[in-house]
Amino acid sequence: MGGGVRGAIGSRRIVITLDLPLAAVALLAQTRTGTVLSIGDGDTLRVREGNRTVNVRLACIDAPESSQAPFGAQARQQLQVLAPVGSSVELRIKATDGYGRSVAELTRGGRNLNQALVASGVAFVYWQYIAGCDRQTYGRLETEARLKRLGVWGVNGGLTRPWEYRSGQRKPSSSSSAPTGRRYTCSQIGSYAQAQVLLRQGHRYLDGDGDGEACESLKG
């Protein structure tokens, strides 16, 4: 297995050094406990585990992007309610994705929060990456949300799926190439809002994960 996984018998600590795409990385499920530090969007957050910070991508679901208003914001708000900053959560790690994030099912108080987001209609089942999750339960919850027209399912004609939306955002166009001149890093930019302005001006390298949102680390 490229990169390798190192573990110690009798220790819960496991060091993951893989940086392969999600579809190519399969790890034995690990359950860890951490404290929520911040919410990125409807399917990403940062968690403090011991003395380190872990970037987490919720497994088997895909929430609308922040620029898919108002549904991106609604998904983020729902995740904030389910996993408030400072709360203790359990992470059932499935893999490490190409951005170095831990891909995990999140539970709090025995409740599967990935499934809760699907059930409330603020996230879709990510069928392309459903391996390792309970297909039947996720499918049932999504069907129930759709029949009740909850959240994203209340849109006439249907909301563009996040993965399709991202694909469209990445298509080359005359206005999407980075302008010549100065290049910025997120640490040089004064605010999250300013980062979005620069992104619209063509500084697409600021959107490292291609989700249509620049410098998410600057969010308050």
N, C-alpha and C. Protein backbone atom coordinates (compact mmCIF):
# COMPACT_ATOMS: atom_id res chain seq x y z
N MET A 1 0.86 -1.19 0.00
CA MET A 1 0.00 0.00 0.00
C MET A 1 0.89 1.23 0.00
N GLY A 2 0.77 2.10 -1.03
CA GLY A 2 1.66 3.24 -1.18
C GLY A 2 1.62 4.16 0.01
N GLY A 3 2.79 4.55 0.50
CA GLY A 3 2.84 5.46 1.64
C GLY A 3 2.81 4.74 2.95
N GLY A 4 1.93 3.74 3.06
CA GLY A 4 1.91 2.91 4.27
C GLY A 4 1.06 3.47 5.37
N VAL A 5 0.65 2.58 6.26
CA VAL A 5 -0.08 2.93 7.46
C VAL A 5 0.68 2.33 8.62
N ARG A 6 1.07 3.15 9.59
CA ARG A 6 1.83 2.66 10.72
C ARG A 6 0.96 2.68 11.96
N GLY A 7 0.99 1.62 12.75
CA GLY A 7 0.21 1.57 13.97
C GLY A 7 1.00 0.90 15.07
N ALA A 8 0.55 1.04 16.28
CA ALA A 8 1.21 0.40 17.42
C ALA A 8 0.20 -0.42 18.17
N ILE A 9 0.54 -1.67 18.49
CA ILE A 9 -0.36 -2.54 19.23
C ILE A 9 -0.59 -1.94 20.61
N GLY A 10 -1.86 -1.88 21.00
CA GLY A 10 -2.20 -1.33 22.30
C GLY A 10 -2.32 0.18 22.28
N SER A 11 -2.13 0.78 21.15
CA SER A 11 -2.23 2.24 21.06
C SER A 11 -3.32 2.58 20.06
N ARG A 12 -4.07 3.63 20.32
CA ARG A 12 -5.13 4.05 19.41
C ARG A 12 -4.59 4.96 18.33
N ARG A 13 -3.36 5.38 18.49
CA ARG A 13 -2.80 6.33 17.55
C ARG A 13 -2.37 5.64 16.26
N ILE A 14 -2.83 6.11 15.14
CA ILE A 14 -2.44 5.57 13.84
C ILE A 14 -2.04 6.74 12.96
N VAL A 15 -0.86 6.66 12.35
CA VAL A 15 -0.38 7.73 11.50
C VAL A 15 -0.66 7.36 10.06
N ILE A 16 -1.38 8.21 9.35
CA ILE A 16 -1.74 7.96 7.96
C ILE A 16 -0.92 8.88 7.08
N THR A 17 -0.18 8.33 6.15
CA THR A 17 0.65 9.15 5.28
C THR A 17 0.22 9.06 3.83
N LEU A 18 -0.94 8.47 3.57
CA LEU A 18 -1.42 8.32 2.21
C LEU A 18 -1.93 9.64 1.66
N ASP A 19 -1.71 9.87 0.37
CA ASP A 19 -2.26 11.07 -0.26
C ASP A 19 -2.85 10.72 -1.62
N LEU A 20 -3.39 9.50 -1.73
CA LEU A 20 -3.98 9.04 -2.97
C LEU A 20 -5.41 9.53 -3.06
N PRO A 21 -6.01 9.54 -4.29
CA PRO A 21 -7.42 9.90 -4.43
C PRO A 21 -8.30 9.00 -3.58
N LEU A 22 -9.46 9.55 -3.20
CA LEU A 22 -10.37 8.83 -2.33
C LEU A 22 -10.72 7.46 -2.88
N ALA A 23 -11.00 7.37 -4.18
CA ALA A 23 -11.43 6.11 -4.76
C ALA A 23 -10.35 5.04 -4.69
N ALA A 24 -9.09 5.46 -4.53
CA ALA A 24 -7.99 4.50 -4.54
C ALA A 24 -7.51 4.14 -3.14
N VAL A 25 -8.09 4.77 -2.12
CA VAL A 25 -7.59 4.57 -0.76
C VAL A 25 -8.64 3.86 0.06
N ALA A 26 -8.33 2.71 0.58
CA ALA A 26 -9.25 1.98 1.45
C ALA A 26 -8.50 1.64 2.73
N LEU A 27 -9.01 2.12 3.85
CA LEU A 27 -8.38 1.86 5.14
C LEU A 27 -9.36 1.13 6.03
N LEU A 28 -8.84 0.32 6.93
CA LEU A 28 -9.69 -0.28 7.94
C LEU A 28 -10.31 0.83 8.77
N ALA A 29 -11.61 0.72 9.05
CA ALA A 29 -12.31 1.77 9.79
C ALA A 29 -11.69 1.94 11.17
N GLN A 30 -11.46 3.17 11.53
CA GLN A 30 -10.93 3.51 12.84
C GLN A 30 -11.90 4.48 13.49
N THR A 31 -12.13 4.33 14.77
CA THR A 31 -13.00 5.26 15.48
C THR A 31 -12.15 6.08 16.44
N ARG A 32 -12.25 7.38 16.32
CA ARG A 32 -11.51 8.29 17.18
C ARG A 32 -12.46 9.32 17.76
N THR A 33 -12.01 9.99 18.80
CA THR A 33 -12.81 11.05 19.43
C THR A 33 -12.06 12.36 19.31
N GLY A 34 -12.81 13.43 19.02
CA GLY A 34 -12.20 14.75 18.91
C GLY A 34 -13.18 15.83 19.28
N THR A 35 -12.68 17.07 19.27
CA THR A 35 -13.49 18.25 19.60
C THR A 35 -13.61 19.13 18.38
N VAL A 36 -14.82 19.54 18.05
CA VAL A 36 -15.05 20.37 16.87
C VAL A 36 -14.43 21.75 17.06
N LEU A 37 -13.59 22.15 16.10
CA LEU A 37 -12.95 23.47 16.13
C LEU A 37 -13.68 24.47 15.25
N SER A 38 -14.09 24.04 14.07
CA SER A 38 -14.78 24.95 13.15
C SER A 38 -15.49 24.14 12.08
N ILE A 39 -16.50 24.77 11.47
CA ILE A 39 -17.25 24.17 10.37
C ILE A 39 -16.85 24.88 9.10
N GLY A 40 -16.44 24.12 8.08
CA GLY A 40 -16.07 24.73 6.81
C GLY A 40 -17.28 24.98 5.95
N ASP A 41 -17.98 23.91 5.59
CA ASP A 41 -19.23 24.01 4.85
C ASP A 41 -20.10 22.84 5.27
N GLY A 42 -21.04 22.44 4.42
CA GLY A 42 -21.97 21.40 4.84
C GLY A 42 -21.40 20.01 4.96
N ASP A 43 -20.19 19.80 4.48
CA ASP A 43 -19.60 18.46 4.61
C ASP A 43 -18.12 18.48 4.98
N THR A 44 -17.63 19.60 5.49
CA THR A 44 -16.24 19.65 5.96
C THR A 44 -16.16 20.38 7.30
N LEU A 45 -15.22 19.98 8.12
CA LEU A 45 -15.01 20.62 9.41
C LEU A 45 -13.60 20.33 9.89
N ARG A 46 -13.19 21.04 10.93
CA ARG A 46 -11.90 20.80 11.57
C ARG A 46 -12.14 20.31 12.98
N VAL A 47 -11.37 19.30 13.38
CA VAL A 47 -11.53 18.67 14.68
C VAL A 47 -10.17 18.61 15.38
N ARG A 48 -10.18 18.89 16.68
CA ARG A 48 -8.97 18.75 17.48
C ARG A 48 -8.93 17.35 18.06
N GLU A 49 -7.88 16.61 17.72
CA GLU A 49 -7.70 15.26 18.25
C GLU A 49 -6.36 15.24 18.99
N GLY A 50 -6.44 15.24 20.31
CA GLY A 50 -5.21 15.32 21.09
C GLY A 50 -4.55 16.67 20.88
N ASN A 51 -3.32 16.65 20.41
CA ASN A 51 -2.60 17.91 20.18
C ASN A 51 -2.49 18.25 18.70
N ARG A 52 -3.34 17.64 17.88
CA ARG A 52 -3.28 17.95 16.45
C ARG A 52 -4.65 18.29 15.90
N THR A 53 -4.65 19.04 14.80
CA THR A 53 -5.88 19.43 14.13
C THR A 53 -6.09 18.52 12.92
N VAL A 54 -7.30 18.00 12.79
CA VAL A 54 -7.63 17.09 11.70
C VAL A 54 -8.68 17.75 10.81
N ASN A 55 -8.40 17.83 9.52
CA ASN A 55 -9.39 18.30 8.56
C ASN A 55 -10.23 17.11 8.12
N VAL A 56 -11.54 17.25 8.23
CA VAL A 56 -12.45 16.13 8.01
C VAL A 56 -13.38 16.41 6.84
N ARG A 57 -13.50 15.44 5.95
CA ARG A 57 -14.51 15.46 4.88
C ARG A 57 -15.51 14.37 5.21
N LEU A 58 -16.79 14.73 5.35
CA LEU A 58 -17.81 13.75 5.71
C LEU A 58 -17.95 12.71 4.60
N ALA A 59 -17.95 11.46 4.98
CA ALA A 59 -17.97 10.35 4.02
C ALA A 59 -19.37 10.12 3.47
N CYS A 60 -19.42 9.69 2.22
CA CYS A 60 -20.63 9.13 1.59
C CYS A 60 -21.74 10.14 1.35
N ILE A 61 -21.49 11.42 1.60
CA ILE A 61 -22.48 12.45 1.31
C ILE A 61 -21.80 13.61 0.59
N ASP A 62 -22.60 14.45 -0.06
CA ASP A 62 -22.08 15.64 -0.72
C ASP A 62 -23.10 16.76 -0.52
N ALA A 63 -22.68 17.81 0.16
CA ALA A 63 -23.56 18.95 0.43
C ALA A 63 -23.39 20.00 -0.66
N PRO A 64 -24.42 20.81 -0.92
CA PRO A 64 -24.28 21.88 -1.91
C PRO A 64 -23.10 22.79 -1.59
N GLU A 65 -22.47 23.32 -2.63
CA GLU A 65 -21.35 24.23 -2.44
C GLU A 65 -21.85 25.56 -1.86
N SER A 66 -20.95 26.28 -1.23
CA SER A 66 -21.32 27.56 -0.60
C SER A 66 -21.91 28.53 -1.61
N SER A 67 -21.46 28.45 -2.86
CA SER A 67 -21.96 29.35 -3.90
C SER A 67 -23.28 28.88 -4.50
N GLN A 68 -23.80 27.74 -4.06
CA GLN A 68 -25.12 27.29 -4.50
C GLN A 68 -26.17 27.83 -3.52
N ALA A 69 -26.33 29.13 -3.51
CA ALA A 69 -27.22 29.79 -2.55
C ALA A 69 -28.67 29.42 -2.81
N PRO A 70 -29.46 29.30 -1.71
CA PRO A 70 -29.07 29.41 -0.30
C PRO A 70 -28.71 28.06 0.32
N PHE A 71 -28.63 27.02 -0.51
CA PHE A 71 -28.54 25.66 0.02
C PHE A 71 -27.19 25.34 0.64
N GLY A 72 -26.12 25.94 0.12
CA GLY A 72 -24.82 25.73 0.74
C GLY A 72 -24.78 26.24 2.16
N ALA A 73 -25.34 27.45 2.36
CA ALA A 73 -25.37 28.04 3.70
C ALA A 73 -26.27 27.23 4.63
N GLN A 74 -27.38 26.73 4.10
CA GLN A 74 -28.29 25.94 4.93
C GLN A 74 -27.63 24.65 5.39
N ALA A 75 -26.86 24.02 4.51
CA ALA A 75 -26.16 22.79 4.90
C ALA A 75 -25.13 23.08 5.98
N ARG A 76 -24.40 24.18 5.83
CA ARG A 76 -23.39 24.54 6.83
C ARG A 76 -24.06 24.82 8.18
N GLN A 77 -25.18 25.54 8.15
CA GLN A 77 -25.89 25.85 9.39
C GLN A 77 -26.39 24.58 10.08
N GLN A 78 -26.87 23.64 9.28
CA GLN A 78 -27.36 22.39 9.86
C GLN A 78 -26.23 21.60 10.50
N LEU A 79 -25.07 21.58 9.85
CA LEU A 79 -23.93 20.88 10.44
C LEU A 79 -23.49 21.58 11.73
N GLN A 80 -23.57 22.90 11.77
CA GLN A 80 -23.23 23.64 12.99
C GLN A 80 -24.17 23.27 14.13
N VAL A 81 -25.44 23.05 13.82
CA VAL A 81 -26.41 22.65 14.84
C VAL A 81 -26.11 21.23 15.33
N LEU A 82 -25.81 20.35 14.40
CA LEU A 82 -25.56 18.95 14.75
C LEU A 82 -24.23 18.76 15.47
N ALA A 83 -23.23 19.57 15.10
CA ALA A 83 -21.89 19.43 15.69
C ALA A 83 -21.37 20.81 16.06
N PRO A 84 -21.89 21.42 17.13
CA PRO A 84 -21.47 22.77 17.51
C PRO A 84 -19.98 22.83 17.83
N VAL A 85 -19.40 23.99 17.59
CA VAL A 85 -18.00 24.19 17.96
C VAL A 85 -17.83 23.93 19.45
N GLY A 86 -16.83 23.14 19.80
CA GLY A 86 -16.59 22.78 21.19
C GLY A 86 -17.18 21.45 21.61
N SER A 87 -18.04 20.89 20.76
CA SER A 87 -18.67 19.62 21.12
C SER A 87 -17.74 18.45 20.82
N SER A 88 -17.96 17.36 21.54
CA SER A 88 -17.18 16.14 21.35
C SER A 88 -17.87 15.25 20.32
N VAL A 89 -17.12 14.76 19.36
CA VAL A 89 -17.68 13.91 18.31
C VAL A 89 -16.79 12.68 18.13
N GLU A 90 -17.38 11.65 17.55
CA GLU A 90 -16.62 10.46 17.18
C GLU A 90 -16.48 10.42 15.67
N LEU A 91 -15.29 10.07 15.22
CA LEU A 91 -15.00 9.97 13.80
C LEU A 91 -14.74 8.51 13.44
N ARG A 92 -15.52 8.00 12.53
CA ARG A 92 -15.25 6.65 12.01
C ARG A 92 -14.54 6.83 10.68
N ILE A 93 -13.22 6.78 10.72
CA ILE A 93 -12.40 7.10 9.57
C ILE A 93 -12.52 6.01 8.50
N LYS A 94 -12.79 6.44 7.27
CA LYS A 94 -12.89 5.50 6.14
C LYS A 94 -11.64 5.53 5.28
N ALA A 95 -11.06 6.72 5.09
CA ALA A 95 -9.97 6.88 4.15
C ALA A 95 -9.34 8.24 4.33
N THR A 96 -8.29 8.50 3.57
CA THR A 96 -7.71 9.83 3.45
C THR A 96 -7.82 10.23 1.99
N ASP A 97 -8.36 11.43 1.71
CA ASP A 97 -8.57 11.81 0.32
C ASP A 97 -7.35 12.51 -0.27
N GLY A 98 -7.48 12.94 -1.51
CA GLY A 98 -6.36 13.55 -2.21
C GLY A 98 -5.93 14.88 -1.66
N TYR A 99 -6.74 15.49 -0.79
CA TYR A 99 -6.38 16.75 -0.15
C TYR A 99 -5.84 16.54 1.26
N GLY A 100 -5.63 15.28 1.63
CA GLY A 100 -5.09 14.99 2.95
C GLY A 100 -6.12 15.02 4.06
N ARG A 101 -7.41 15.09 3.72
CA ARG A 101 -8.46 15.13 4.73
C ARG A 101 -8.86 13.72 5.15
N SER A 102 -9.22 13.57 6.41
CA SER A 102 -9.77 12.31 6.89
C SER A 102 -11.22 12.21 6.45
N VAL A 103 -11.54 11.19 5.70
CA VAL A 103 -12.91 10.96 5.23
C VAL A 103 -13.60 10.08 6.26
N ALA A 104 -14.69 10.59 6.84
CA ALA A 104 -15.23 9.90 8.02
C ALA A 104 -16.74 10.06 8.15
N GLU A 105 -17.34 9.07 8.81
CA GLU A 105 -18.70 9.24 9.32
C GLU A 105 -18.57 9.85 10.71
N LEU A 106 -19.42 10.83 10.97
CA LEU A 106 -19.35 11.59 12.22
C LEU A 106 -20.54 11.22 13.09
N THR A 107 -20.29 10.93 14.36
CA THR A 107 -21.39 10.65 15.28
C THR A 107 -21.25 11.53 16.51
N ARG A 108 -22.39 11.88 17.08
CA ARG A 108 -22.43 12.64 18.33
C ARG A 108 -23.62 12.14 19.13
N GLY A 109 -23.36 11.72 20.35
CA GLY A 109 -24.42 11.18 21.17
C GLY A 109 -25.08 9.96 20.55
N GLY A 110 -24.31 9.18 19.80
CA GLY A 110 -24.83 7.98 19.17
C GLY A 110 -25.56 8.22 17.87
N ARG A 111 -25.65 9.47 17.43
CA ARG A 111 -26.38 9.80 16.20
C ARG A 111 -25.40 9.97 15.04
N ASN A 112 -25.69 9.31 13.93
CA ASN A 112 -24.87 9.43 12.73
C ASN A 112 -25.22 10.75 12.04
N LEU A 113 -24.29 11.71 12.05
CA LEU A 113 -24.58 13.05 11.55
C LEU A 113 -24.57 13.10 10.02
N ASN A 114 -23.79 12.25 9.39
CA ASN A 114 -23.83 12.19 7.92
C ASN A 114 -25.23 11.81 7.47
N GLN A 115 -25.78 10.79 8.10
CA GLN A 115 -27.13 10.36 7.76
C GLN A 115 -28.16 11.42 8.12
N ALA A 116 -27.94 12.14 9.22
CA ALA A 116 -28.87 13.18 9.63
C ALA A 116 -28.94 14.31 8.60
N LEU A 117 -27.81 14.64 7.99
CA LEU A 117 -27.79 15.69 6.96
C LEU A 117 -28.58 15.25 5.73
N VAL A 118 -28.45 13.99 5.35
CA VAL A 118 -29.23 13.47 4.23
C VAL A 118 -30.71 13.45 4.57
N ALA A 119 -31.04 13.01 5.79
CA ALA A 119 -32.44 12.90 6.21
C ALA A 119 -33.14 14.24 6.24
N SER A 120 -32.39 15.32 6.53
CA SER A 120 -33.00 16.65 6.60
C SER A 120 -33.03 17.34 5.25
N GLY A 121 -32.49 16.69 4.22
CA GLY A 121 -32.57 17.25 2.87
C GLY A 121 -31.55 18.32 2.56
N VAL A 122 -30.48 18.41 3.35
CA VAL A 122 -29.47 19.44 3.07
C VAL A 122 -28.23 18.85 2.41
N ALA A 123 -28.20 17.54 2.20
CA ALA A 123 -27.07 16.89 1.54
C ALA A 123 -27.57 15.71 0.72
N PHE A 124 -26.81 15.38 -0.31
CA PHE A 124 -27.11 14.25 -1.17
C PHE A 124 -26.26 13.05 -0.77
N VAL A 125 -26.74 11.86 -1.05
CA VAL A 125 -25.89 10.69 -0.95
C VAL A 125 -24.88 10.75 -2.09
N TYR A 126 -23.61 10.54 -1.77
CA TYR A 126 -22.54 10.59 -2.77
C TYR A 126 -22.31 9.17 -3.26
N TRP A 127 -23.15 8.74 -4.20
CA TRP A 127 -23.18 7.34 -4.59
C TRP A 127 -21.86 6.86 -5.17
N GLN A 128 -21.11 7.77 -5.77
CA GLN A 128 -19.82 7.37 -6.34
C GLN A 128 -18.85 6.89 -5.26
N TYR A 129 -19.05 7.42 -4.04
CA TYR A 129 -18.14 7.09 -2.93
C TYR A 129 -18.91 6.54 -1.73
N ILE A 130 -19.87 5.65 -2.00
CA ILE A 130 -20.70 5.11 -0.93
C ILE A 130 -20.04 3.90 -0.25
N ALA A 131 -18.98 3.36 -0.84
CA ALA A 131 -18.32 2.18 -0.27
C ALA A 131 -17.91 2.42 1.17
N GLY A 132 -18.21 1.45 2.03
CA GLY A 132 -17.87 1.57 3.44
C GLY A 132 -18.99 2.13 4.29
N CYS A 133 -20.05 2.61 3.65
CA CYS A 133 -21.22 3.12 4.38
C CYS A 133 -22.41 2.19 4.12
N ASP A 134 -23.45 2.38 4.90
CA ASP A 134 -24.65 1.55 4.80
C ASP A 134 -25.52 2.07 3.64
N ARG A 135 -25.35 1.48 2.46
CA ARG A 135 -26.07 1.93 1.26
C ARG A 135 -27.57 1.96 1.48
N GLN A 136 -28.10 0.92 2.11
CA GLN A 136 -29.54 0.80 2.26
C GLN A 136 -30.10 1.93 3.12
N THR A 137 -29.43 2.22 4.24
CA THR A 137 -29.91 3.28 5.12
C THR A 137 -29.80 4.64 4.46
N TYR A 138 -28.68 4.92 3.84
CA TYR A 138 -28.51 6.21 3.16
C TYR A 138 -29.54 6.38 2.05
N GLY A 139 -29.75 5.32 1.27
CA GLY A 139 -30.72 5.40 0.19
C GLY A 139 -32.13 5.63 0.70
N ARG A 140 -32.49 4.94 1.79
CA ARG A 140 -33.83 5.12 2.35
C ARG A 140 -34.03 6.54 2.86
N LEU A 141 -33.04 7.08 3.56
CA LEU A 141 -33.16 8.43 4.10
C LEU A 141 -33.26 9.47 2.99
N GLU A 142 -32.50 9.27 1.92
CA GLU A 142 -32.58 10.22 0.81
C GLU A 142 -33.94 10.15 0.12
N THR A 143 -34.45 8.94 -0.06
CA THR A 143 -35.77 8.78 -0.68
C THR A 143 -36.85 9.45 0.16
N GLU A 144 -36.79 9.27 1.47
CA GLU A 144 -37.78 9.89 2.35
C GLU A 144 -37.71 11.41 2.28
N ALA A 145 -36.50 11.96 2.26
CA ALA A 145 -36.35 13.42 2.16
C ALA A 145 -36.88 13.92 0.83
N ARG A 146 -36.63 13.17 -0.24
CA ARG A 146 -37.11 13.58 -1.56
C ARG A 146 -38.63 13.55 -1.62
N LEU A 147 -39.24 12.52 -1.09
CA LEU A 147 -40.70 12.42 -1.12
C LEU A 147 -41.37 13.51 -0.29
N LYS A 148 -40.69 13.94 0.77
CA LYS A 148 -41.20 15.03 1.61
C LYS A 148 -40.82 16.41 1.07
N ARG A 149 -40.02 16.43 0.01
CA ARG A 149 -39.54 17.66 -0.62
C ARG A 149 -38.81 18.55 0.39
N LEU A 150 -37.96 17.93 1.17
CA LEU A 150 -37.18 18.66 2.16
C LEU A 150 -35.95 19.28 1.52
N GLY A 151 -35.61 20.48 1.94
CA GLY A 151 -34.36 21.12 1.54
C GLY A 151 -34.14 21.15 0.04
N VAL A 152 -33.06 20.52 -0.41
CA VAL A 152 -32.69 20.55 -1.83
C VAL A 152 -33.75 19.90 -2.70
N TRP A 153 -34.58 19.05 -2.12
CA TRP A 153 -35.59 18.34 -2.90
C TRP A 153 -36.83 19.18 -3.15
N GLY A 154 -36.88 20.37 -2.58
CA GLY A 154 -38.00 21.26 -2.82
C GLY A 154 -37.84 22.15 -4.04
N VAL A 155 -36.71 22.03 -4.72
CA VAL A 155 -36.43 22.87 -5.90
C VAL A 155 -37.13 22.29 -7.12
N ASN A 156 -37.93 23.11 -7.78
CA ASN A 156 -38.59 22.66 -9.00
C ASN A 156 -37.55 22.37 -10.07
N GLY A 157 -37.63 21.19 -10.63
CA GLY A 157 -36.65 20.80 -11.64
C GLY A 157 -35.41 20.16 -11.05
N GLY A 158 -35.25 20.27 -9.73
CA GLY A 158 -34.12 19.63 -9.06
C GLY A 158 -32.89 20.50 -9.00
N LEU A 159 -32.24 20.49 -7.86
CA LEU A 159 -31.00 21.25 -7.67
C LEU A 159 -29.85 20.52 -8.35
N THR A 160 -28.99 21.29 -9.00
CA THR A 160 -27.79 20.71 -9.60
C THR A 160 -26.98 20.01 -8.52
N ARG A 161 -26.62 18.77 -8.76
CA ARG A 161 -25.84 18.03 -7.78
C ARG A 161 -24.48 18.70 -7.58
N PRO A 162 -23.97 18.71 -6.36
CA PRO A 162 -22.71 19.41 -6.10
C PRO A 162 -21.57 18.95 -6.98
N TRP A 163 -21.48 17.64 -7.23
CA TRP A 163 -20.38 17.13 -8.06
C TRP A 163 -20.51 17.61 -9.51
N GLU A 164 -21.75 17.76 -10.00
CA GLU A 164 -21.96 18.30 -11.34
C GLU A 164 -21.66 19.80 -11.36
N TYR A 165 -22.04 20.47 -10.29
CA TYR A 165 -21.79 21.91 -10.17
C TYR A 165 -20.29 22.19 -10.17
N ARG A 166 -19.54 21.42 -9.41
CA ARG A 166 -18.09 21.61 -9.37
C ARG A 166 -17.46 21.35 -10.74
N SER A 167 -17.96 20.34 -11.42
CA SER A 167 -17.43 20.02 -12.75
C SER A 167 -17.64 21.19 -13.70
N GLY A 168 -18.82 21.81 -13.61
CA GLY A 168 -19.10 22.97 -14.45
C GLY A 168 -18.22 24.16 -14.11
N GLN A 169 -17.94 24.34 -12.80
CA GLN A 169 -17.10 25.44 -12.36
C GLN A 169 -15.67 25.29 -12.88
N ARG A 170 -15.23 24.07 -13.09
CA ARG A 170 -13.84 23.83 -13.49
C ARG A 170 -13.63 23.90 -14.99
N LYS A 171 -14.70 23.99 -15.78
CA LYS A 171 -14.54 24.06 -17.22
C LYS A 171 -13.79 25.32 -17.60
N PRO A 172 -12.79 25.21 -18.47
CA PRO A 172 -12.01 26.39 -18.83
C PRO A 172 -12.85 27.40 -19.59
N SER A 173 -12.60 28.66 -19.34
CA SER A 173 -13.26 29.74 -20.06
C SER A 173 -12.31 30.90 -20.15
N SER A 174 -12.64 31.85 -21.01
CA SER A 174 -11.76 32.99 -21.21
C SER A 174 -11.63 33.83 -19.96
N SER A 175 -12.63 33.75 -19.06
CA SER A 175 -12.61 34.59 -17.86
C SER A 175 -12.05 33.87 -16.65
N SER A 176 -11.74 32.55 -16.80
CA SER A 176 -11.35 31.79 -15.63
C SER A 176 -9.84 31.67 -15.46
N SER A 177 -9.07 32.09 -16.46
CA SER A 177 -7.62 31.98 -16.33
C SER A 177 -7.11 33.03 -15.36
N ALA A 178 -6.07 32.66 -14.62
CA ALA A 178 -5.53 33.57 -13.61
C ALA A 178 -4.91 34.78 -14.28
N PRO A 179 -5.17 35.99 -13.77
CA PRO A 179 -4.59 37.19 -14.36
C PRO A 179 -3.08 37.21 -14.15
N THR A 180 -2.42 37.94 -15.03
CA THR A 180 -0.98 38.08 -14.85
C THR A 180 -0.72 39.04 -13.70
N GLY A 181 0.50 39.01 -13.18
CA GLY A 181 0.84 39.91 -12.08
C GLY A 181 0.93 39.17 -10.77
N ARG A 182 0.58 39.85 -9.70
CA ARG A 182 0.79 39.33 -8.35
C ARG A 182 -0.02 38.08 -8.06
N ARG A 183 0.61 37.13 -7.38
CA ARG A 183 -0.08 35.96 -6.85
C ARG A 183 -0.16 36.09 -5.33
N TYR A 184 -1.27 35.66 -4.78
CA TYR A 184 -1.51 35.81 -3.35
C TYR A 184 -1.51 34.46 -2.66
N THR A 185 -1.24 34.48 -1.37
CA THR A 185 -1.52 33.33 -0.51
C THR A 185 -2.64 33.75 0.44
N CYS A 186 -3.33 32.78 1.00
CA CYS A 186 -4.46 33.10 1.88
C CYS A 186 -4.01 33.92 3.09
N SER A 187 -2.80 33.68 3.56
CA SER A 187 -2.31 34.42 4.73
C SER A 187 -2.05 35.89 4.42
N GLN A 188 -1.95 36.24 3.14
CA GLN A 188 -1.71 37.63 2.75
C GLN A 188 -3.01 38.40 2.53
N ILE A 189 -4.13 37.70 2.56
CA ILE A 189 -5.42 38.32 2.26
C ILE A 189 -6.12 38.69 3.56
N GLY A 190 -6.70 39.87 3.59
CA GLY A 190 -7.23 40.41 4.84
C GLY A 190 -8.49 39.75 5.34
N SER A 191 -9.31 39.20 4.46
CA SER A 191 -10.59 38.66 4.91
C SER A 191 -11.10 37.60 3.93
N TYR A 192 -12.05 36.82 4.42
CA TYR A 192 -12.70 35.81 3.58
C TYR A 192 -13.39 36.47 2.39
N ALA A 193 -14.08 37.60 2.63
CA ALA A 193 -14.80 38.29 1.56
C ALA A 193 -13.84 38.76 0.47
N GLN A 194 -12.69 39.28 0.87
CA GLN A 194 -11.71 39.73 -0.11
C GLN A 194 -11.19 38.57 -0.94
N ALA A 195 -11.06 37.41 -0.31
CA ALA A 195 -10.60 36.23 -1.04
C ALA A 195 -11.59 35.84 -2.14
N GLN A 196 -12.90 35.98 -1.87
CA GLN A 196 -13.90 35.64 -2.88
C GLN A 196 -13.85 36.63 -4.04
N VAL A 197 -13.56 37.90 -3.74
CA VAL A 197 -13.42 38.91 -4.80
C VAL A 197 -12.25 38.54 -5.71
N LEU A 198 -11.12 38.17 -5.10
CA LEU A 198 -9.95 37.78 -5.89
C LEU A 198 -10.24 36.54 -6.73
N LEU A 199 -11.00 35.61 -6.16
CA LEU A 199 -11.37 34.41 -6.91
C LEU A 199 -12.16 34.77 -8.16
N ARG A 200 -13.13 35.69 -8.00
CA ARG A 200 -13.95 36.10 -9.14
C ARG A 200 -13.13 36.86 -10.17
N GLN A 201 -12.03 37.47 -9.73
CA GLN A 201 -11.16 38.20 -10.65
C GLN A 201 -10.23 37.27 -11.42
N GLY A 202 -10.25 35.99 -11.08
CA GLY A 202 -9.47 35.02 -11.83
C GLY A 202 -8.37 34.32 -11.06
N HIS A 203 -8.23 34.62 -9.78
CA HIS A 203 -7.18 33.97 -8.97
C HIS A 203 -7.68 32.61 -8.47
N ARG A 204 -7.87 31.69 -9.40
CA ARG A 204 -8.51 30.42 -9.08
C ARG A 204 -7.60 29.49 -8.28
N TYR A 205 -6.31 29.76 -8.25
CA TYR A 205 -5.40 28.95 -7.44
C TYR A 205 -5.70 29.07 -5.95
N LEU A 206 -6.47 30.12 -5.55
CA LEU A 206 -6.86 30.28 -4.15
C LEU A 206 -7.92 29.26 -3.73
N ASP A 207 -8.54 28.63 -4.72
CA ASP A 207 -9.56 27.60 -4.45
C ASP A 207 -8.90 26.24 -4.57
N GLY A 208 -8.19 25.83 -3.52
CA GLY A 208 -7.36 24.64 -3.57
C GLY A 208 -8.11 23.35 -3.81
N ASP A 209 -9.37 23.25 -3.32
CA ASP A 209 -10.11 21.99 -3.48
C ASP A 209 -11.17 22.07 -4.56
N GLY A 210 -11.21 23.19 -5.31
CA GLY A 210 -12.09 23.28 -6.46
C GLY A 210 -13.57 23.32 -6.14
N ASP A 211 -13.94 23.80 -4.94
CA ASP A 211 -15.35 23.82 -4.57
C ASP A 211 -16.02 25.17 -4.82
N GLY A 212 -15.32 26.08 -5.52
CA GLY A 212 -15.89 27.38 -5.83
C GLY A 212 -15.77 28.38 -4.71
N GLU A 213 -14.93 28.10 -3.73
CA GLU A 213 -14.79 28.96 -2.56
C GLU A 213 -13.30 29.10 -2.23
N ALA A 214 -12.83 30.34 -2.12
CA ALA A 214 -11.41 30.60 -1.88
C ALA A 214 -11.11 30.76 -0.39
N CYS A 215 -9.96 30.27 0.00
CA CYS A 215 -9.41 30.52 1.35
C CYS A 215 -10.44 30.27 2.45
N GLU A 216 -10.96 29.07 2.50
CA GLU A 216 -11.98 28.74 3.51
C GLU A 216 -11.44 28.87 4.93
N SER A 217 -10.12 28.84 5.07
CA SER A 217 -9.51 28.98 6.40
C SER A 217 -9.74 30.36 7.00
N LEU A 218 -10.14 31.34 6.16
CA LEU A 218 -10.36 32.71 6.64
C LEU A 218 -11.77 32.91 7.18
N LYS A 219 -12.61 31.90 7.09
CA LYS A 219 -13.97 32.03 7.61
C LYS A 219 -13.94 32.27 9.10
N GLY A 220 -14.82 33.16 9.57
CA GLY A 220 -14.88 33.43 11.00
C GLY A 220 -15.52 32.30 11.78
